[in-house]
C-alpha atoms as a PDB file:
ATOM      1  CA  MET A   1       0.034   0.057  -0.047  1.00  0.00           C
ATOM      2  CA  ARG A   2       2.851   2.481   0.812  1.00  0.00           C
ATOM      3  CA  LEU A   3       4.540   1.699  -2.431  1.00  0.00           C
ATOM      4  CA  LEU A   4       1.400   2.423  -4.261  1.00  0.00           C
ATOM      5  CA  ARG A   5       1.050   5.769  -2.624  1.00  0.00           C
ATOM      6  CA  ASN A   6       4.825   6.711  -3.206  1.00  0.00           C
ATOM      7  CA  PHE A   7       4.314   5.680  -6.866  1.00  0.00           C
ATOM      8  CA  HIS A   8       1.101   7.887  -6.912  1.00  0.00           C
ATOM      9  CA  LEU A   9       3.171  10.732  -5.512  1.00  0.00           C
ATOM     10  CA  THR A  10       5.929  10.504  -7.951  1.00  0.00           C
ATOM     11  CA  LYS A  11       3.459  10.322 -10.773  1.00  0.00           C
ATOM     12  CA  LEU A  12       1.846  13.471  -9.443  1.00  0.00           C
ATOM     13  CA  LYS A  13       5.186  15.258  -9.135  1.00  0.00           C
ATOM     14  CA  GLN A  14       6.206  14.292 -12.753  1.00  0.00           C
ATOM     15  CA  ASN A  15       2.830  15.456 -14.040  1.00  0.00           C
ATOM     16  CA  PHE A  16       3.325  18.842 -12.120  1.00  0.00           C
ATOM     17  CA  ILE A  17       6.928  19.260 -13.550  1.00  0.00           C
ATOM     18  CA  LEU A  18       5.494  18.480 -16.922  1.00  0.00           C
ATOM     19  CA  PHE A  19       2.886  21.049 -16.420  1.00  0.00           C
ATOM     20  CA  LEU A  20       5.357  23.711 -15.412  1.00  0.00           C
ATOM     21  CA  ARG A  21       7.656  22.951 -18.328  1.00  0.00           C
ATOM     22  CA  ALA A  22       4.876  23.315 -20.723  1.00  0.00           C
ATOM     23  CA  ARG A  23       3.674  26.635 -19.246  1.00  0.00           C
ATOM     24  CA  ALA A  24       7.324  27.818 -19.347  1.00  0.00           C
ATOM     25  CA  PHE A  25       7.699  26.686 -22.915  1.00  0.00           C
ATOM     26  CA  THR A  26       4.383  28.318 -23.923  1.00  0.00           C
ATOM     27  CA  GLU A  27       5.406  31.746 -22.148  1.00  0.00           C
ATOM     28  CA  ALA A  28       8.975  31.646 -24.044  1.00  0.00           C
ATOM     29  CA  PHE A  29       7.174  30.856 -27.230  1.00  0.00           C
ATOM     30  CA  LYS A  30       4.768  33.934 -26.883  1.00  0.00           C
ATOM     31  CA  LYS A  31       7.802  36.048 -26.098  1.00  0.00           C
ATOM     32  CA  ASN A  32       9.740  34.654 -28.959  1.00  0.00           C
ATOM     33  CA  LYS A  33       6.818  35.299 -31.393  1.00  0.00           C
ATOM     34  CA  LEU A  34       6.396  38.808 -30.167  1.00  0.00           C
ATOM     35  CA  ASN A  35      10.219  39.417 -30.625  1.00  0.00           C
ATOM     36  CA  LYS A  36      10.151  38.004 -33.875  1.00  0.00           C
ATOM     37  CA  GLU A  37       7.184  40.375 -34.962  1.00  0.00           C
ATOM     38  CA  LEU A  38       9.042  43.413 -33.241  1.00  0.00           C
ATOM     39  CA  SER A  39      12.171  42.676 -34.995  1.00  0.00           C
ATOM     40  CA  ILE A  40      10.957  42.033 -38.584  1.00  0.00           C
ATOM     41  CA  PRO A  41      10.640  45.808 -39.468  1.00  0.00           C
ATOM     42  CA  ILE A  42      14.178  46.357 -38.103  1.00  0.00           C
ATOM     43  CA  GLU A  43      15.566  43.609 -40.314  1.00  0.00           C
ATOM     44  CA  ARG A  44      13.842  45.122 -43.367  1.00  0.00           C
ATOM     45  CA  GLY A  45      15.275  48.432 -42.635  1.00  0.00           C
ATOM     46  CA  ASN A  46      18.562  46.838 -43.094  1.00  0.00           C
END
């Protein structure tokens, strides 16, 4: 029973880490997209 509970906790922790990583990736992607949109006119100016 204790083993099962430990396994469940590990699973939850993994899911949480994956969730955080996905959120961080999404945020970085949004920022990257914004930066690209902002830098396009500058690149055209060159």
